[in-house]
Amino acid sequence: MALFLYHYYDVATGPFRNLSALPLNEAQQIQKGLKQNTDWYASRRADDYVSIRRKVELLARELFIAKGGRPTKEYPHYMTLGPCEWIKRWYPNGEEIKLLLDDVDPEIISFTYGDLFPTMRYKDDKPYRGKVYLKDEILGLVNEYGWPQDWNKHGDLGPERYIEAQIWDDHSIRPFLESWASSR
């Protein structure tokens, strides 16, 4: 069975826009602006979100390297393993990009069972908290626990709503960025 990665974004801003790509002050200003627009899911984030996010990304990168990952970036591009329509609804004009998992070099992709932010910060006794996984490991976790997109569609069973993929390189996403840019 072919597995796909999905990236959700707003048509107005385009795909793979990442606060971590910006200088800290600029990222904080954009996040502050997002908080003003209640149409965006990002308006719910805490005021210190950007600084915490950078710490969480650094930890995930270090854990990925310790497992043999070879990131070429300081921060990842985010996708989900399998579809998650809930994320598409985060945006006023949500769209999705779909990428075959097998088309991504396994040395530049890590996974978390759930969104990176709560996975690294939520404190409970679930064995997948605070960890990143390689491709074969995450598929084993899916066999053991199932797809969060299925068993927690409404988010009432914990913070796991999807399996997140962190792509630590630009190569796999470049065609999507170029396509989006040329369509403008």
N, C-alpha and C. Protein backbone atom coordinates (compact mmCIF):
# COMPACT_ATOMS: atom_id res chain seq x y z
N MET A 1 0.84 -1.18 0.00
CA MET A 1 0.00 0.00 0.00
C MET A 1 0.89 1.25 0.00
N ALA A 2 0.61 2.15 -0.90
CA ALA A 2 1.37 3.40 -0.98
C ALA A 2 0.93 4.34 0.13
N LEU A 3 1.88 4.95 0.79
CA LEU A 3 1.60 5.93 1.83
C LEU A 3 2.00 7.32 1.33
N PHE A 4 1.21 8.30 1.72
CA PHE A 4 1.44 9.67 1.29
C PHE A 4 1.63 10.60 2.48
N LEU A 5 2.41 11.64 2.23
CA LEU A 5 2.57 12.75 3.16
C LEU A 5 1.67 13.88 2.67
N TYR A 6 1.10 14.62 3.60
CA TYR A 6 0.20 15.73 3.27
C TYR A 6 0.70 17.00 3.94
N HIS A 7 0.61 18.08 3.21
CA HIS A 7 0.92 19.40 3.75
C HIS A 7 -0.30 20.28 3.52
N TYR A 8 -0.75 20.94 4.57
CA TYR A 8 -1.93 21.80 4.49
C TYR A 8 -1.50 23.25 4.64
N TYR A 9 -2.15 24.12 3.89
CA TYR A 9 -1.76 25.53 3.89
C TYR A 9 -2.94 26.38 3.41
N ASP A 10 -2.81 27.68 3.59
CA ASP A 10 -3.82 28.60 3.09
C ASP A 10 -3.40 29.09 1.71
N VAL A 11 -4.36 29.13 0.80
CA VAL A 11 -4.10 29.54 -0.58
C VAL A 11 -3.45 30.93 -0.64
N ALA A 12 -3.86 31.82 0.24
CA ALA A 12 -3.35 33.20 0.20
C ALA A 12 -1.87 33.30 0.55
N THR A 13 -1.40 32.43 1.42
CA THR A 13 0.00 32.53 1.86
C THR A 13 0.92 31.53 1.19
N GLY A 14 0.38 30.41 0.74
CA GLY A 14 1.19 29.42 0.04
C GLY A 14 1.71 28.33 0.95
N PRO A 15 2.25 27.28 0.34
CA PRO A 15 2.72 26.12 1.10
C PRO A 15 4.10 26.33 1.74
N PHE A 16 4.32 25.56 2.77
CA PHE A 16 5.62 25.46 3.44
C PHE A 16 6.13 26.81 3.93
N ARG A 17 5.24 27.64 4.41
CA ARG A 17 5.62 28.89 5.07
C ARG A 17 5.91 28.55 6.52
N ASN A 18 7.05 28.93 7.01
CA ASN A 18 7.49 28.45 8.31
C ASN A 18 8.03 29.60 9.15
N LEU A 19 7.44 29.80 10.31
CA LEU A 19 7.92 30.85 11.21
C LEU A 19 9.38 30.64 11.59
N SER A 20 9.82 29.42 11.65
CA SER A 20 11.20 29.13 12.05
C SER A 20 12.22 29.58 11.01
N ALA A 21 11.78 29.85 9.80
CA ALA A 21 12.70 30.32 8.75
C ALA A 21 13.02 31.80 8.92
N LEU A 22 12.30 32.47 9.78
CA LEU A 22 12.45 33.92 9.95
C LEU A 22 13.28 34.26 11.17
N PRO A 23 13.88 35.46 11.18
CA PRO A 23 14.52 35.93 12.41
C PRO A 23 13.49 35.95 13.54
N LEU A 24 13.94 35.73 14.76
CA LEU A 24 13.05 35.60 15.91
C LEU A 24 12.06 36.76 16.02
N ASN A 25 12.54 38.01 15.94
CA ASN A 25 11.65 39.16 16.09
C ASN A 25 10.56 39.18 15.02
N GLU A 26 10.94 38.87 13.79
CA GLU A 26 9.98 38.86 12.69
C GLU A 26 8.95 37.75 12.89
N ALA A 27 9.41 36.57 13.29
CA ALA A 27 8.50 35.45 13.54
C ALA A 27 7.52 35.79 14.66
N GLN A 28 8.01 36.44 15.71
CA GLN A 28 7.13 36.83 16.82
C GLN A 28 6.10 37.86 16.38
N GLN A 29 6.49 38.79 15.51
CA GLN A 29 5.54 39.78 15.00
C GLN A 29 4.45 39.13 14.14
N ILE A 30 4.85 38.19 13.32
CA ILE A 30 3.86 37.49 12.49
C ILE A 30 2.91 36.68 13.37
N GLN A 31 3.45 35.99 14.36
CA GLN A 31 2.60 35.23 15.27
C GLN A 31 1.65 36.16 16.01
N LYS A 32 2.14 37.31 16.40
CA LYS A 32 1.28 38.29 17.07
C LYS A 32 0.13 38.71 16.15
N GLY A 33 0.43 38.90 14.87
CA GLY A 33 -0.60 39.23 13.89
C GLY A 33 -1.59 38.09 13.70
N LEU A 34 -1.09 36.86 13.70
CA LEU A 34 -1.97 35.70 13.57
C LEU A 34 -2.95 35.61 14.73
N LYS A 35 -2.50 36.01 15.91
CA LYS A 35 -3.37 35.97 17.09
C LYS A 35 -4.55 36.94 16.96
N GLN A 36 -4.39 37.96 16.13
CA GLN A 36 -5.45 38.95 15.94
C GLN A 36 -6.56 38.43 15.02
N ASN A 37 -6.22 37.44 14.18
CA ASN A 37 -7.16 36.94 13.19
C ASN A 37 -7.75 35.62 13.67
N THR A 38 -8.94 35.66 14.23
CA THR A 38 -9.54 34.46 14.81
C THR A 38 -10.00 33.45 13.76
N ASP A 39 -9.90 33.79 12.47
CA ASP A 39 -10.20 32.82 11.41
C ASP A 39 -9.09 31.77 11.30
N TRP A 40 -7.94 32.07 11.85
CA TRP A 40 -6.80 31.17 11.76
C TRP A 40 -6.67 30.37 13.06
N TYR A 41 -6.41 29.08 12.92
CA TYR A 41 -6.17 28.22 14.07
C TYR A 41 -4.99 28.74 14.89
N ALA A 42 -4.00 29.31 14.21
CA ALA A 42 -2.80 29.81 14.89
C ALA A 42 -3.10 30.94 15.86
N SER A 43 -4.28 31.52 15.80
CA SER A 43 -4.63 32.60 16.73
C SER A 43 -4.75 32.09 18.16
N ARG A 44 -4.83 30.79 18.35
CA ARG A 44 -4.99 30.19 19.68
C ARG A 44 -3.66 29.95 20.39
N ARG A 45 -2.56 30.17 19.70
CA ARG A 45 -1.26 29.87 20.27
C ARG A 45 -0.89 30.83 21.40
N ALA A 46 -0.09 30.34 22.34
CA ALA A 46 0.39 31.15 23.45
C ALA A 46 1.36 32.23 22.95
N ASP A 47 1.53 33.28 23.73
CA ASP A 47 2.40 34.38 23.34
C ASP A 47 3.86 33.95 23.16
N ASP A 48 4.30 32.95 23.91
CA ASP A 48 5.69 32.48 23.82
C ASP A 48 5.86 31.31 22.85
N TYR A 49 4.89 31.10 22.00
CA TYR A 49 4.89 29.96 21.08
C TYR A 49 6.17 29.88 20.24
N VAL A 50 6.59 30.98 19.64
CA VAL A 50 7.72 30.96 18.72
C VAL A 50 9.00 30.52 19.44
N SER A 51 9.26 31.06 20.61
CA SER A 51 10.49 30.68 21.31
C SER A 51 10.44 29.23 21.78
N ILE A 52 9.29 28.78 22.23
CA ILE A 52 9.16 27.37 22.64
C ILE A 52 9.30 26.46 21.42
N ARG A 53 8.69 26.86 20.31
CA ARG A 53 8.77 26.06 19.09
C ARG A 53 10.22 25.83 18.68
N ARG A 54 11.03 26.87 18.74
CA ARG A 54 12.44 26.73 18.35
C ARG A 54 13.19 25.75 19.25
N LYS A 55 12.88 25.76 20.53
CA LYS A 55 13.51 24.80 21.45
C LYS A 55 13.07 23.37 21.14
N VAL A 56 11.78 23.21 20.85
CA VAL A 56 11.24 21.88 20.52
C VAL A 56 11.85 21.37 19.21
N GLU A 57 11.98 22.25 18.23
CA GLU A 57 12.59 21.85 16.96
C GLU A 57 14.06 21.46 17.14
N LEU A 58 14.77 22.19 17.96
CA LEU A 58 16.18 21.86 18.23
C LEU A 58 16.29 20.49 18.89
N LEU A 59 15.44 20.22 19.86
CA LEU A 59 15.43 18.92 20.52
C LEU A 59 15.12 17.81 19.51
N ALA A 60 14.10 18.01 18.68
CA ALA A 60 13.73 17.00 17.68
C ALA A 60 14.89 16.75 16.71
N ARG A 61 15.56 17.81 16.31
CA ARG A 61 16.70 17.67 15.39
C ARG A 61 17.81 16.85 16.04
N GLU A 62 18.11 17.15 17.30
CA GLU A 62 19.15 16.41 18.01
C GLU A 62 18.79 14.93 18.15
N LEU A 63 17.53 14.65 18.47
CA LEU A 63 17.08 13.27 18.60
C LEU A 63 17.15 12.54 17.25
N PHE A 64 16.81 13.25 16.19
CA PHE A 64 16.86 12.68 14.84
C PHE A 64 18.30 12.35 14.45
N ILE A 65 19.22 13.25 14.71
CA ILE A 65 20.64 13.01 14.41
C ILE A 65 21.16 11.82 15.21
N ALA A 66 20.75 11.72 16.47
CA ALA A 66 21.18 10.60 17.31
C ALA A 66 20.72 9.26 16.75
N LYS A 67 19.64 9.26 15.98
CA LYS A 67 19.14 8.02 15.36
C LYS A 67 19.72 7.79 13.97
N GLY A 68 20.62 8.67 13.54
CA GLY A 68 21.25 8.51 12.23
C GLY A 68 20.68 9.42 11.15
N GLY A 69 19.75 10.29 11.51
CA GLY A 69 19.21 11.23 10.54
C GLY A 69 20.27 12.22 10.08
N ARG A 70 20.07 12.75 8.87
CA ARG A 70 21.04 13.69 8.29
C ARG A 70 20.32 14.96 7.84
N PRO A 71 19.84 15.76 8.78
CA PRO A 71 19.14 16.99 8.40
C PRO A 71 20.10 17.98 7.74
N THR A 72 19.59 18.70 6.76
CA THR A 72 20.38 19.76 6.13
C THR A 72 19.88 21.14 6.55
N LYS A 73 18.83 21.18 7.34
CA LYS A 73 18.24 22.44 7.81
C LYS A 73 18.21 22.45 9.33
N GLU A 74 18.11 23.64 9.89
CA GLU A 74 17.99 23.79 11.34
C GLU A 74 16.57 23.52 11.82
N TYR A 75 15.60 23.66 10.95
CA TYR A 75 14.18 23.48 11.28
C TYR A 75 13.54 22.66 10.16
N PRO A 76 12.46 21.95 10.47
CA PRO A 76 11.84 21.11 9.44
C PRO A 76 10.69 21.80 8.71
N HIS A 77 10.31 21.17 7.59
CA HIS A 77 9.04 21.45 6.95
C HIS A 77 8.08 20.39 7.51
N TYR A 78 6.83 20.79 7.72
CA TYR A 78 5.89 19.89 8.38
C TYR A 78 4.87 19.31 7.42
N MET A 79 4.63 18.01 7.58
CA MET A 79 3.60 17.30 6.83
C MET A 79 2.97 16.29 7.78
N THR A 80 1.91 15.65 7.33
CA THR A 80 1.34 14.54 8.10
C THR A 80 1.53 13.27 7.30
N LEU A 81 1.65 12.17 8.01
CA LEU A 81 1.65 10.85 7.37
C LEU A 81 0.19 10.43 7.30
N GLY A 82 -0.31 10.37 6.08
CA GLY A 82 -1.74 10.12 5.88
C GLY A 82 -2.51 11.43 5.97
N PRO A 83 -3.73 11.42 5.44
CA PRO A 83 -4.52 12.65 5.42
C PRO A 83 -5.05 13.02 6.81
N CYS A 84 -5.30 14.31 6.99
CA CYS A 84 -5.91 14.82 8.23
C CYS A 84 -6.72 16.07 7.86
N GLU A 85 -7.95 15.87 7.49
CA GLU A 85 -8.82 16.97 7.06
C GLU A 85 -8.98 18.03 8.15
N TRP A 86 -8.84 17.66 9.40
CA TRP A 86 -8.95 18.61 10.50
C TRP A 86 -7.96 19.76 10.32
N ILE A 87 -6.73 19.47 9.91
CA ILE A 87 -5.72 20.51 9.72
C ILE A 87 -6.13 21.44 8.58
N LYS A 88 -6.68 20.89 7.54
CA LYS A 88 -7.10 21.71 6.40
C LYS A 88 -8.09 22.79 6.84
N ARG A 89 -8.86 22.47 7.85
CA ARG A 89 -9.85 23.44 8.38
C ARG A 89 -9.22 24.52 9.25
N TRP A 90 -7.91 24.43 9.51
CA TRP A 90 -7.22 25.47 10.27
C TRP A 90 -7.18 26.78 9.49
N TYR A 91 -7.32 26.67 8.18
CA TYR A 91 -7.11 27.81 7.29
C TYR A 91 -8.41 28.26 6.64
N PRO A 92 -8.59 29.56 6.46
CA PRO A 92 -9.80 30.05 5.80
C PRO A 92 -9.99 29.47 4.39
N ASN A 93 -8.90 29.32 3.65
CA ASN A 93 -8.94 28.75 2.30
C ASN A 93 -7.93 27.63 2.21
N GLY A 94 -8.17 26.56 2.96
CA GLY A 94 -7.21 25.47 3.06
C GLY A 94 -7.06 24.65 1.80
N GLU A 95 -5.83 24.30 1.53
CA GLU A 95 -5.47 23.43 0.41
C GLU A 95 -4.50 22.37 0.94
N GLU A 96 -4.23 21.37 0.09
CA GLU A 96 -3.29 20.33 0.49
C GLU A 96 -2.34 19.99 -0.65
N ILE A 97 -1.19 19.53 -0.25
CA ILE A 97 -0.19 18.98 -1.15
C ILE A 97 0.03 17.54 -0.71
N LYS A 98 0.17 16.66 -1.66
CA LYS A 98 0.33 15.24 -1.38
C LYS A 98 1.65 14.78 -2.01
N LEU A 99 2.45 14.07 -1.22
CA LEU A 99 3.77 13.61 -1.66
C LEU A 99 3.91 12.14 -1.28
N LEU A 100 4.32 11.32 -2.20
CA LEU A 100 4.53 9.90 -1.93
C LEU A 100 5.66 9.74 -0.92
N LEU A 101 5.41 9.04 0.16
CA LEU A 101 6.41 8.85 1.21
C LEU A 101 7.69 8.25 0.65
N ASP A 102 7.57 7.30 -0.26
CA ASP A 102 8.75 6.65 -0.81
C ASP A 102 9.62 7.59 -1.66
N ASP A 103 9.09 8.76 -2.02
CA ASP A 103 9.87 9.74 -2.78
C ASP A 103 10.75 10.63 -1.90
N VAL A 104 10.68 10.43 -0.59
CA VAL A 104 11.46 11.24 0.35
C VAL A 104 12.59 10.38 0.91
N ASP A 105 13.80 10.92 0.83
CA ASP A 105 14.98 10.24 1.37
C ASP A 105 14.77 10.00 2.87
N PRO A 106 14.85 8.74 3.33
CA PRO A 106 14.61 8.45 4.74
C PRO A 106 15.62 9.11 5.68
N GLU A 107 16.76 9.55 5.17
CA GLU A 107 17.76 10.20 6.03
C GLU A 107 17.40 11.64 6.37
N ILE A 108 16.37 12.21 5.72
CA ILE A 108 16.02 13.61 6.00
C ILE A 108 14.59 13.75 6.53
N ILE A 109 13.97 12.64 6.95
CA ILE A 109 12.60 12.72 7.46
C ILE A 109 12.48 12.00 8.80
N SER A 110 11.90 12.70 9.75
CA SER A 110 11.59 12.10 11.05
C SER A 110 10.08 12.19 11.25
N PHE A 111 9.61 11.47 12.26
CA PHE A 111 8.18 11.43 12.54
C PHE A 111 7.95 11.53 14.04
N THR A 112 6.81 12.06 14.40
CA THR A 112 6.34 12.00 15.78
C THR A 112 4.93 11.45 15.76
N TYR A 113 4.61 10.68 16.79
CA TYR A 113 3.25 10.14 16.92
C TYR A 113 2.42 11.23 17.58
N GLY A 114 1.88 12.08 16.73
CA GLY A 114 1.20 13.29 17.14
C GLY A 114 2.01 14.49 16.69
N ASP A 115 1.47 15.65 16.85
CA ASP A 115 2.15 16.89 16.50
C ASP A 115 3.42 17.03 17.33
N LEU A 116 4.47 17.54 16.72
CA LEU A 116 5.76 17.68 17.40
C LEU A 116 5.63 18.45 18.72
N PHE A 117 4.90 19.53 18.71
CA PHE A 117 4.82 20.41 19.88
C PHE A 117 4.28 19.67 21.11
N PRO A 118 3.08 19.11 21.07
CA PRO A 118 2.62 18.39 22.26
C PRO A 118 3.37 17.08 22.51
N THR A 119 3.85 16.43 21.44
CA THR A 119 4.57 15.18 21.63
C THR A 119 5.81 15.41 22.50
N MET A 120 6.48 16.53 22.30
CA MET A 120 7.69 16.82 23.06
C MET A 120 7.41 17.47 24.42
N ARG A 121 6.20 17.97 24.62
CA ARG A 121 5.94 18.74 25.83
C ARG A 121 4.89 18.13 26.76
N TYR A 122 4.00 17.31 26.23
CA TYR A 122 2.91 16.74 27.01
C TYR A 122 3.46 15.68 27.95
N LYS A 123 3.11 15.74 29.20
CA LYS A 123 3.65 14.81 30.20
C LYS A 123 2.58 13.79 30.60
N ASP A 124 2.76 12.58 30.14
CA ASP A 124 1.97 11.44 30.59
C ASP A 124 2.83 10.20 30.40
N ASP A 125 2.26 9.05 30.59
CA ASP A 125 3.08 7.84 30.54
C ASP A 125 3.07 7.13 29.18
N LYS A 126 2.60 7.81 28.14
CA LYS A 126 2.57 7.17 26.82
C LYS A 126 4.01 7.02 26.31
N PRO A 127 4.35 5.84 25.81
CA PRO A 127 5.75 5.56 25.46
C PRO A 127 6.29 6.35 24.26
N TYR A 128 5.45 6.98 23.50
CA TYR A 128 5.91 7.72 22.32
C TYR A 128 6.12 9.21 22.60
N ARG A 129 5.95 9.67 23.82
CA ARG A 129 6.18 11.07 24.16
C ARG A 129 7.68 11.36 24.17
N GLY A 130 8.03 12.56 23.71
CA GLY A 130 9.42 13.00 23.76
C GLY A 130 10.34 12.29 22.80
N LYS A 131 9.77 11.63 21.77
CA LYS A 131 10.60 10.85 20.85
C LYS A 131 10.30 11.21 19.40
N VAL A 132 11.33 11.03 18.58
CA VAL A 132 11.14 11.08 17.13
C VAL A 132 11.43 9.68 16.60
N TYR A 133 10.87 9.41 15.44
CA TYR A 133 10.99 8.08 14.86
C TYR A 133 11.46 8.16 13.42
N LEU A 134 12.13 7.10 13.00
CA LEU A 134 12.49 6.93 11.60
C LEU A 134 11.31 6.26 10.89
N LYS A 135 11.37 6.20 9.58
CA LYS A 135 10.25 5.68 8.78
C LYS A 135 9.81 4.29 9.23
N ASP A 136 10.73 3.34 9.34
CA ASP A 136 10.33 1.98 9.72
C ASP A 136 9.80 1.93 11.14
N GLU A 137 10.31 2.79 12.01
CA GLU A 137 9.84 2.81 13.39
C GLU A 137 8.42 3.36 13.49
N ILE A 138 8.11 4.41 12.74
CA ILE A 138 6.77 4.99 12.85
C ILE A 138 5.72 4.03 12.30
N LEU A 139 6.08 3.28 11.27
CA LEU A 139 5.13 2.30 10.73
C LEU A 139 4.87 1.19 11.75
N GLY A 140 5.87 0.83 12.52
CA GLY A 140 5.68 -0.13 13.61
C GLY A 140 4.75 0.43 14.68
N LEU A 141 4.90 1.71 14.98
CA LEU A 141 4.04 2.36 15.97
C LEU A 141 2.59 2.41 15.48
N VAL A 142 2.40 2.65 14.19
CA VAL A 142 1.05 2.65 13.62
C VAL A 142 0.44 1.25 13.76
N ASN A 143 1.24 0.22 13.53
CA ASN A 143 0.73 -1.15 13.70
C ASN A 143 0.32 -1.42 15.14
N GLU A 144 1.06 -0.83 16.07
CA GLU A 144 0.78 -1.05 17.49
C GLU A 144 -0.38 -0.20 18.01
N TYR A 145 -0.42 1.09 17.65
CA TYR A 145 -1.40 2.01 18.24
C TYR A 145 -2.49 2.48 17.28
N GLY A 146 -2.29 2.26 16.00
CA GLY A 146 -3.27 2.73 15.02
C GLY A 146 -2.98 4.15 14.56
N TRP A 147 -3.85 4.66 13.71
CA TRP A 147 -3.73 6.02 13.17
C TRP A 147 -4.49 6.99 14.07
N PRO A 148 -3.81 7.98 14.65
CA PRO A 148 -4.53 8.97 15.47
C PRO A 148 -5.66 9.66 14.69
N GLN A 149 -5.46 9.82 13.38
CA GLN A 149 -6.49 10.43 12.55
C GLN A 149 -7.80 9.62 12.61
N ASP A 150 -7.68 8.34 12.89
CA ASP A 150 -8.86 7.47 12.99
C ASP A 150 -9.41 7.39 14.41
N TRP A 151 -8.53 7.10 15.38
CA TRP A 151 -9.05 6.86 16.73
C TRP A 151 -9.25 8.13 17.55
N ASN A 152 -8.77 9.27 17.05
CA ASN A 152 -8.94 10.52 17.81
C ASN A 152 -9.36 11.67 16.89
N LYS A 153 -10.30 11.42 16.03
CA LYS A 153 -10.75 12.41 15.04
C LYS A 153 -11.16 13.74 15.67
N HIS A 154 -11.75 13.68 16.85
CA HIS A 154 -12.30 14.89 17.48
C HIS A 154 -11.39 15.47 18.57
N GLY A 155 -10.26 14.83 18.82
CA GLY A 155 -9.30 15.35 19.78
C GLY A 155 -9.70 15.18 21.23
N ASP A 156 -10.70 14.39 21.50
CA ASP A 156 -11.16 14.23 22.88
C ASP A 156 -10.43 13.12 23.64
N LEU A 157 -9.49 12.43 22.96
CA LEU A 157 -8.76 11.34 23.59
C LEU A 157 -7.28 11.67 23.81
N GLY A 158 -6.93 12.95 23.70
CA GLY A 158 -5.54 13.37 23.91
C GLY A 158 -5.07 14.26 22.78
N PRO A 159 -3.81 14.70 22.84
CA PRO A 159 -3.31 15.63 21.84
C PRO A 159 -2.95 14.99 20.50
N GLU A 160 -2.95 13.67 20.42
CA GLU A 160 -2.59 13.01 19.17
C GLU A 160 -3.78 13.11 18.21
N ARG A 161 -3.59 13.84 17.11
CA ARG A 161 -4.63 13.94 16.09
C ARG A 161 -4.15 13.43 14.75
N TYR A 162 -2.85 13.25 14.61
CA TYR A 162 -2.24 12.79 13.36
C TYR A 162 -0.80 12.41 13.64
N ILE A 163 -0.18 11.77 12.69
CA ILE A 163 1.25 11.49 12.74
C ILE A 163 1.93 12.59 11.94
N GLU A 164 2.88 13.26 12.58
CA GLU A 164 3.56 14.36 11.90
C GLU A 164 4.87 13.88 11.30
N ALA A 165 5.16 14.37 10.11
CA ALA A 165 6.44 14.13 9.45
C ALA A 165 7.21 15.44 9.43
N GLN A 166 8.46 15.38 9.81
CA GLN A 166 9.33 16.55 9.77
C GLN A 166 10.36 16.31 8.67
N ILE A 167 10.31 17.13 7.65
CA ILE A 167 11.25 17.00 6.53
C ILE A 167 12.35 18.03 6.73
N TRP A 168 13.56 17.55 6.94
CA TRP A 168 14.70 18.39 7.31
C TRP A 168 15.57 18.76 6.11
N ASP A 169 14.93 19.05 4.99
CA ASP A 169 15.64 19.35 3.75
C ASP A 169 14.66 20.05 2.81
N ASP A 170 15.17 20.81 1.86
CA ASP A 170 14.30 21.52 0.90
C ASP A 170 14.07 20.74 -0.39
N HIS A 171 14.88 19.76 -0.67
CA HIS A 171 14.84 19.09 -1.97
C HIS A 171 13.45 18.51 -2.30
N SER A 172 12.86 17.80 -1.39
CA SER A 172 11.58 17.13 -1.66
C SER A 172 10.42 18.09 -1.88
N ILE A 173 10.50 19.27 -1.28
CA ILE A 173 9.38 20.21 -1.38
C ILE A 173 9.59 21.29 -2.45
N ARG A 174 10.81 21.41 -2.95
CA ARG A 174 11.11 22.46 -3.93
C ARG A 174 10.15 22.48 -5.12
N PRO A 175 9.79 21.33 -5.72
CA PRO A 175 8.86 21.38 -6.85
C PRO A 175 7.51 22.02 -6.50
N PHE A 176 7.05 21.81 -5.28
CA PHE A 176 5.77 22.38 -4.87
C PHE A 176 5.89 23.90 -4.70
N LEU A 177 7.00 24.34 -4.16
CA LEU A 177 7.22 25.78 -4.00
C LEU A 177 7.33 26.47 -5.36
N GLU A 178 8.05 25.84 -6.27
CA GLU A 178 8.20 26.41 -7.61
C GLU A 178 6.88 26.44 -8.36
N SER A 179 6.09 25.39 -8.23
CA SER A 179 4.78 25.33 -8.88
C SER A 179 3.85 26.40 -8.34
N TRP A 180 3.85 26.56 -7.02
CA TRP A 180 2.99 27.56 -6.40
C TRP A 180 3.42 28.97 -6.83
N ALA A 181 4.71 29.22 -6.83
CA ALA A 181 5.24 30.53 -7.21
C ALA A 181 4.91 30.85 -8.67
N SER A 182 5.01 29.87 -9.56
CA SER A 182 4.72 30.13 -10.97
C SER A 182 3.23 30.30 -11.25
N SER A 183 2.39 29.84 -10.33
CA SER A 183 0.94 30.00 -10.52
C SER A 183 0.45 31.37 -10.07
N ARG A 184 1.32 32.17 -9.50
CA ARG A 184 0.94 33.50 -9.00
C ARG A 184 1.12 34.54 -10.05
